[in-house]
Amino acid sequence: GGTLKLNLAEDLEPIWADRFHLTNLLHSLL
């Protein structure tokens, strides 16, 4: 019964990162 609100800026350039661990990082925080 909750909400998840996204505020994403447009036209941001890609970042240099490890996709797998960045995905796990987002999952952990959320």
All heavy atoms as atom14 arrays in JSON, in Angstrom:
{
  "sequence": "GGTLKLNLAEDLEPIWADRFHLTNLLHSLL",
  "atom14_mask": [
    [1, 1, 1, 1, 0, 0, 0, 0, 0, 0, 0, 0, 0, 0],
    [1, 1, 1, 1, 0, 0, 0, 0, 0, 0, 0, 0, 0, 0],
    [1, 1, 1, 1, 1, 1, 1, 0, 0, 0, 0, 0, 0, 0],
    [1, 1, 1, 1, 1, 1, 1, 1, 0, 0, 0, 0, 0, 0],
    [1, 1, 1, 1, 1, 1, 1, 1, 1, 0, 0, 0, 0, 0],
    [1, 1, 1, 1, 1, 1, 1, 1, 0, 0, 0, 0, 0, 0],
    [1, 1, 1, 1, 1, 1, 1, 1, 0, 0, 0, 0, 0, 0],
    [1, 1, 1, 1, 1, 1, 1, 1, 0, 0, 0, 0, 0, 0],
    [1, 1, 1, 1, 1, 0, 0, 0, 0, 0, 0, 0, 0, 0],
    [1, 1, 1, 1, 1, 1, 1, 1, 1, 0, 0, 0, 0, 0],
    [1, 1, 1, 1, 1, 1, 1, 1, 0, 0, 0, 0, 0, 0],
    [1, 1, 1, 1, 1, 1, 1, 1, 0, 0, 0, 0, 0, 0],
    [1, 1, 1, 1, 1, 1, 1, 1, 1, 0, 0, 0, 0, 0],
    [1, 1, 1, 1, 1, 1, 1, 0, 0, 0, 0, 0, 0, 0],
    [1, 1, 1, 1, 1, 1, 1, 1, 0, 0, 0, 0, 0, 0],
    [1, 1, 1, 1, 1, 1, 1, 1, 1, 1, 1, 1, 1, 1],
    [1, 1, 1, 1, 1, 0, 0, 0, 0, 0, 0, 0, 0, 0],
    [1, 1, 1, 1, 1, 1, 1, 1, 0, 0, 0, 0, 0, 0],
    [1, 1, 1, 1, 1, 1, 1, 1, 1, 1, 1, 0, 0, 0],
    [1, 1, 1, 1, 1, 1, 1, 1, 1, 1, 1, 0, 0, 0],
    [1, 1, 1, 1, 1, 1, 1, 1, 1, 1, 0, 0, 0, 0],
    [1, 1, 1, 1, 1, 1, 1, 1, 0, 0, 0, 0, 0, 0],
    [1, 1, 1, 1, 1, 1, 1, 0, 0, 0, 0, 0, 0, 0],
    [1, 1, 1, 1, 1, 1, 1, 1, 0, 0, 0, 0, 0, 0],
    [1, 1, 1, 1, 1, 1, 1, 1, 0, 0, 0, 0, 0, 0],
    [1, 1, 1, 1, 1, 1, 1, 1, 0, 0, 0, 0, 0, 0],
    [1, 1, 1, 1, 1, 1, 1, 1, 1, 1, 0, 0, 0, 0],
    [1, 1, 1, 1, 1, 1, 0, 0, 0, 0, 0, 0, 0, 0],
    [1, 1, 1, 1, 1, 1, 1, 1, 0, 0, 0, 0, 0, 0],
    [1, 1, 1, 1, 1, 1, 1, 1, 0, 0, 0, 0, 0, 0]
  ],
  "atom14_positions": [
    [[0.79, -1.23, 0.0], [0.0, 0.0, 0.0], [0.82, 1.26, 0.0], [0.3, 2.32, 0.38], [0.0, 0.0, 0.0], [0.0, 0.0, 0.0], [0.0, 0.0, 0.0], [0.0, 0.0, 0.0], [0.0, 0.0, 0.0], [0.0, 0.0, 0.0], [0.0, 0.0, 0.0], [0.0, 0.0, 0.0], [0.0, 0.0, 0.0], [0.0, 0.0, 0.0]],
    [[2.09, 1.19, -0.43], [2.97, 2.35, -0.42], [3.12, 2.98, -1.78], [2.44, 2.63, -2.75], [0.0, 0.0, 0.0], [0.0, 0.0, 0.0], [0.0, 0.0, 0.0], [0.0, 0.0, 0.0], [0.0, 0.0, 0.0], [0.0, 0.0, 0.0], [0.0, 0.0, 0.0], [0.0, 0.0, 0.0], [0.0, 0.0, 0.0], [0.0, 0.0, 0.0]],
    [[4.05, 3.91, -1.87], [4.31, 4.62, -3.12], [5.81, 4.7, -3.36], [6.6, 4.76, -2.42], [3.75, 6.05, -3.09], [4.34, 6.77, -1.98], [2.23, 6.03, -2.93], [0.0, 0.0, 0.0], [0.0, 0.0, 0.0], [0.0, 0.0, 0.0], [0.0, 0.0, 0.0], [0.0, 0.0, 0.0], [0.0, 0.0, 0.0], [0.0, 0.0, 0.0]],
    [[6.17, 4.7, -4.63], [7.56, 4.86, -5.05], [7.59, 5.97, -6.09], [7.09, 5.81, -7.2], [8.12, 3.56, -5.63], [9.53, 3.63, -6.21], [10.54, 4.09, -5.17], [9.95, 2.28, -6.78], [0.0, 0.0, 0.0], [0.0, 0.0, 0.0], [0.0, 0.0, 0.0], [0.0, 0.0, 0.0], [0.0, 0.0, 0.0], [0.0, 0.0, 0.0]],
    [[8.17, 7.09, -5.72], [8.19, 8.26, -6.6], [9.6, 8.43, -7.17], [10.59, 8.4, -6.44], [7.79, 9.5, -5.8], [7.72, 10.77, -6.64], [7.29, 11.96, -5.79], [7.26, 13.23, -6.63], [6.87, 14.42, -5.81], [0.0, 0.0, 0.0], [0.0, 0.0, 0.0], [0.0, 0.0, 0.0], [0.0, 0.0, 0.0], [0.0, 0.0, 0.0]],
    [[9.67, 8.63, -8.49], [10.94, 8.83, -9.17], [11.04, 10.25, -9.68], [10.13, 10.75, -10.34], [11.09, 7.85, -10.34], [11.02, 6.35, -10.01], [11.2, 5.53, -11.28], [12.08, 5.97, -8.98], [0.0, 0.0, 0.0], [0.0, 0.0, 0.0], [0.0, 0.0, 0.0], [0.0, 0.0, 0.0], [0.0, 0.0, 0.0], [0.0, 0.0, 0.0]],
    [[12.15, 10.91, -9.39], [12.46, 12.24, -9.91], [13.78, 12.15, -10.65], [14.85, 12.29, -10.06], [12.54, 13.27, -8.77], [11.27, 13.38, -7.97], [10.18, 13.41, -8.56], [11.37, 13.42, -6.64], [0.0, 0.0, 0.0], [0.0, 0.0, 0.0], [0.0, 0.0, 0.0], [0.0, 0.0, 0.0], [0.0, 0.0, 0.0], [0.0, 0.0, 0.0]],
    [[13.71, 11.87, -11.95], [14.9, 11.63, -12.74], [15.13, 12.78, -13.71], [14.24, 13.13, -14.49], [14.77, 10.31, -13.53], [14.45, 9.05, -12.7], [14.36, 7.84, -13.61], [15.48, 8.84, -11.61], [0.0, 0.0, 0.0], [0.0, 0.0, 0.0], [0.0, 0.0, 0.0], [0.0, 0.0, 0.0], [0.0, 0.0, 0.0], [0.0, 0.0, 0.0]],
    [[16.32, 13.36, -13.61], [16.66, 14.42, -14.56], [16.84, 13.84, -15.95], [17.26, 12.68, -16.11], [17.94, 15.12, -14.1], [0.0, 0.0, 0.0], [0.0, 0.0, 0.0], [0.0, 0.0, 0.0], [0.0, 0.0, 0.0], [0.0, 0.0, 0.0], [0.0, 0.0, 0.0], [0.0, 0.0, 0.0], [0.0, 0.0, 0.0], [0.0, 0.0, 0.0]],
    [[16.52, 14.61, -16.94], [16.61, 14.13, -18.33], [17.98, 14.46, -18.91], [18.69, 15.36, -18.46], [15.51, 14.77, -19.17], [14.1, 14.41, -18.71], [13.04, 15.05, -19.58], [13.4, 15.84, -20.46], [11.85, 14.77, -19.33], [0.0, 0.0, 0.0], [0.0, 0.0, 0.0], [0.0, 0.0, 0.0], [0.0, 0.0, 0.0], [0.0, 0.0, 0.0]],
    [[18.31, 13.69, -19.94], [19.52, 13.93, -20.74], [20.8, 13.9, -19.89], [21.74, 14.67, -20.11], [19.42, 15.28, -21.47], [18.24, 15.34, -22.42], [17.88, 14.27, -22.95], [17.67, 16.43, -22.59], [0.0, 0.0, 0.0], [0.0, 0.0, 0.0], [0.0, 0.0, 0.0], [0.0, 0.0, 0.0], [0.0, 0.0, 0.0], [0.0, 0.0, 0.0]],
    [[20.86, 12.98, -18.93], [22.1, 12.79, -18.18], [23.03, 11.85, -18.94], [22.59, 10.85, -19.52], [21.8, 12.21, -16.79], [21.14, 13.13, -15.77], [20.9, 12.38, -14.47], [22.0, 14.36, -15.5], [0.0, 0.0, 0.0], [0.0, 0.0, 0.0], [0.0, 0.0, 0.0], [0.0, 0.0, 0.0], [0.0, 0.0, 0.0], [0.0, 0.0, 0.0]],
    [[24.28, 12.17, -18.92], [25.26, 11.33, -19.62], [25.46, 10.02, -18.86], [25.27, 9.96, -17.65], [26.6, 12.07, -19.73], [26.52, 13.35, -20.55], [27.86, 14.05, -20.59], [28.81, 13.54, -19.94], [27.97, 15.1, -21.24], [0.0, 0.0, 0.0], [0.0, 0.0, 0.0], [0.0, 0.0, 0.0], [0.0, 0.0, 0.0], [0.0, 0.0, 0.0]],
    [[25.85, 8.95, -19.54], [26.13, 7.67, -18.86], [27.27, 7.82, -17.86], [28.12, 8.71, -17.97], [26.5, 6.73, -20.01], [25.91, 7.35, -21.22], [25.96, 8.83, -21.02], [0.0, 0.0, 0.0], [0.0, 0.0, 0.0], [0.0, 0.0, 0.0], [0.0, 0.0, 0.0], [0.0, 0.0, 0.0], [0.0, 0.0, 0.0], [0.0, 0.0, 0.0]],
    [[27.3, 6.94, -16.88], [28.36, 6.95, -15.86], [29.23, 5.72, -16.05], [28.8, 4.71, -16.63], [27.78, 6.99, -14.44], [26.95, 5.73, -14.16], [26.95, 8.24, -14.22], [26.51, 5.59, -12.73], [0.0, 0.0, 0.0], [0.0, 0.0, 0.0], [0.0, 0.0, 0.0], [0.0, 0.0, 0.0], [0.0, 0.0, 0.0], [0.0, 0.0, 0.0]],
    [[30.44, 5.8, -15.54], [31.41, 4.7, -15.64], [31.29, 3.85, -14.38], [31.69, 4.26, -13.29], [32.81, 5.27, -15.79], [33.9, 4.26, -16.02], [34.86, 3.89, -15.15], [34.13, 3.5, -17.21], [35.7, 2.96, -15.68], [35.28, 2.69, -16.98], [33.51, 3.42, -18.44], [35.79, 1.83, -17.91], [34.03, 2.56, -19.39], [35.16, 1.77, -19.13]],
    [[30.71, 2.65, -14.51], [30.42, 1.84, -13.32], [30.31, 0.37, -13.69], [30.22, 0.01, -14.87], [29.13, 2.32, -12.64], [0.0, 0.0, 0.0], [0.0, 0.0, 0.0], [0.0, 0.0, 0.0], [0.0, 0.0, 0.0], [0.0, 0.0, 0.0], [0.0, 0.0, 0.0], [0.0, 0.0, 0.0], [0.0, 0.0, 0.0], [0.0, 0.0, 0.0]],
    [[30.29, -0.46, -12.67], [30.04, -1.89, -12.82], [28.53, -2.1, -12.74], [27.91, -1.87, -11.69], [30.75, -2.66, -11.69], [30.65, -4.16, -11.84], [29.5, -4.66, -11.94], [31.69, -4.84, -11.83], [0.0, 0.0, 0.0], [0.0, 0.0, 0.0], [0.0, 0.0, 0.0], [0.0, 0.0, 0.0], [0.0, 0.0, 0.0], [0.0, 0.0, 0.0]],
    [[27.93, -2.52, -13.84], [26.48, -2.62, -13.91], [25.92, -3.59, -12.87], [24.9, -3.31, -12.22], [26.06, -3.06, -15.32], [24.54, -3.18, -15.51], [24.21, -3.69, -16.89], [24.62, -2.71, -17.9], [23.83, -1.7, -18.31], [22.62, -1.55, -17.79], [24.27, -0.86, -19.21], [0.0, 0.0, 0.0], [0.0, 0.0, 0.0], [0.0, 0.0, 0.0]],
    [[26.58, -4.73, -12.72], [26.07, -5.75, -11.81], [26.03, -5.23, -10.37], [25.01, -5.33, -9.68], [26.95, -7.0, -11.9], [26.62, -8.05, -10.88], [25.51, -8.87, -11.03], [27.42, -8.23, -9.75], [25.2, -9.84, -10.08], [27.12, -9.19, -8.81], [26.0, -9.99, -8.98], [0.0, 0.0, 0.0], [0.0, 0.0, 0.0], [0.0, 0.0, 0.0]],
    [[27.14, -4.66, -9.91], [27.19, -4.19, -8.53], [26.35, -2.94, -8.32], [25.81, -2.74, -7.22], [28.64, -3.95, -8.11], [29.44, -5.2, -7.98], [29.18, -6.15, -7.03], [30.5, -5.67, -8.71], [30.04, -7.15, -7.16], [30.85, -6.88, -8.17], [0.0, 0.0, 0.0], [0.0, 0.0, 0.0], [0.0, 0.0, 0.0], [0.0, 0.0, 0.0]],
    [[26.26, -2.1, -9.33], [25.38, -0.93, -9.21], [23.93, -1.37, -9.09], [23.15, -0.79, -8.32], [25.58, -0.02, -10.42], [24.73, 1.27, -10.45], [24.93, 2.08, -9.16], [25.07, 2.1, -11.67], [0.0, 0.0, 0.0], [0.0, 0.0, 0.0], [0.0, 0.0, 0.0], [0.0, 0.0, 0.0], [0.0, 0.0, 0.0], [0.0, 0.0, 0.0]],
    [[23.55, -2.4, -9.83], [22.19, -2.95, -9.7], [21.95, -3.48, -8.3], [20.9, -3.21, -7.68], [21.98, -4.07, -10.74], [22.21, -3.56, -12.05], [20.57, -4.61, -10.65], [0.0, 0.0, 0.0], [0.0, 0.0, 0.0], [0.0, 0.0, 0.0], [0.0, 0.0, 0.0], [0.0, 0.0, 0.0], [0.0, 0.0, 0.0], [0.0, 0.0, 0.0]],
    [[22.91, -4.24, -7.76], [22.76, -4.74, -6.4], [22.71, -3.61, -5.37], [21.98, -3.69, -4.37], [23.92, -5.68, -6.06], [23.83, -7.01, -6.77], [22.76, -7.39, -7.25], [24.95, -7.71, -6.87], [0.0, 0.0, 0.0], [0.0, 0.0, 0.0], [0.0, 0.0, 0.0], [0.0, 0.0, 0.0], [0.0, 0.0, 0.0], [0.0, 0.0, 0.0]],
    [[23.47, -2.55, -5.61], [23.46, -1.4, -4.72], [22.07, -0.78, -4.66], [21.54, -0.49, -3.57], [24.5, -0.38, -5.19], [24.67, 0.92, -4.39], [26.11, 1.38, -4.47], [23.77, 2.02, -4.94], [0.0, 0.0, 0.0], [0.0, 0.0, 0.0], [0.0, 0.0, 0.0], [0.0, 0.0, 0.0], [0.0, 0.0, 0.0], [0.0, 0.0, 0.0]],
    [[21.46, -0.57, -5.82], [20.11, 0.0, -5.85], [19.1, -0.92, -5.17], [18.23, -0.47, -4.41], [19.7, 0.26, -7.31], [20.48, 1.37, -8.03], [20.13, 1.37, -9.51], [20.17, 2.72, -7.42], [0.0, 0.0, 0.0], [0.0, 0.0, 0.0], [0.0, 0.0, 0.0], [0.0, 0.0, 0.0], [0.0, 0.0, 0.0], [0.0, 0.0, 0.0]],
    [[19.21, -2.22, -5.44], [18.3, -3.17, -4.8], [18.46, -3.14, -3.28], [17.45, -3.19, -2.54], [18.57, -4.59, -5.32], [17.82, -4.91, -6.58], [16.45, -5.01, -6.63], [18.27, -5.17, -7.84], [16.07, -5.31, -7.87], [17.15, -5.42, -8.62], [0.0, 0.0, 0.0], [0.0, 0.0, 0.0], [0.0, 0.0, 0.0], [0.0, 0.0, 0.0]],
    [[19.7, -3.05, -2.79], [19.94, -3.04, -1.35], [19.32, -1.81, -0.69], [18.66, -1.91, 0.35], [21.43, -3.1, -1.06], [21.99, -4.32, -1.46], [0.0, 0.0, 0.0], [0.0, 0.0, 0.0], [0.0, 0.0, 0.0], [0.0, 0.0, 0.0], [0.0, 0.0, 0.0], [0.0, 0.0, 0.0], [0.0, 0.0, 0.0], [0.0, 0.0, 0.0]],
    [[19.53, -0.66, -1.29], [19.0, 0.58, -0.7], [17.47, 0.6, -0.73], [16.82, 0.99, 0.25], [19.57, 1.79, -1.43], [21.08, 2.03, -1.25], [21.53, 3.23, -2.08], [21.42, 2.26, 0.21], [0.0, 0.0, 0.0], [0.0, 0.0, 0.0], [0.0, 0.0, 0.0], [0.0, 0.0, 0.0], [0.0, 0.0, 0.0], [0.0, 0.0, 0.0]],
    [[16.9, 0.19, -1.85], [15.44, 0.17, -1.94], [14.85, -0.91, -1.04], [13.78, -0.73, -0.44], [15.01, -0.06, -3.4], [15.33, 1.11, -4.35], [15.08, 0.69, -5.8], [14.49, 2.33, -4.0], [0.0, 0.0, 0.0], [0.0, 0.0, 0.0], [0.0, 0.0, 0.0], [0.0, 0.0, 0.0], [0.0, 0.0, 0.0], [0.0, 0.0, 0.0]]
  ]
}
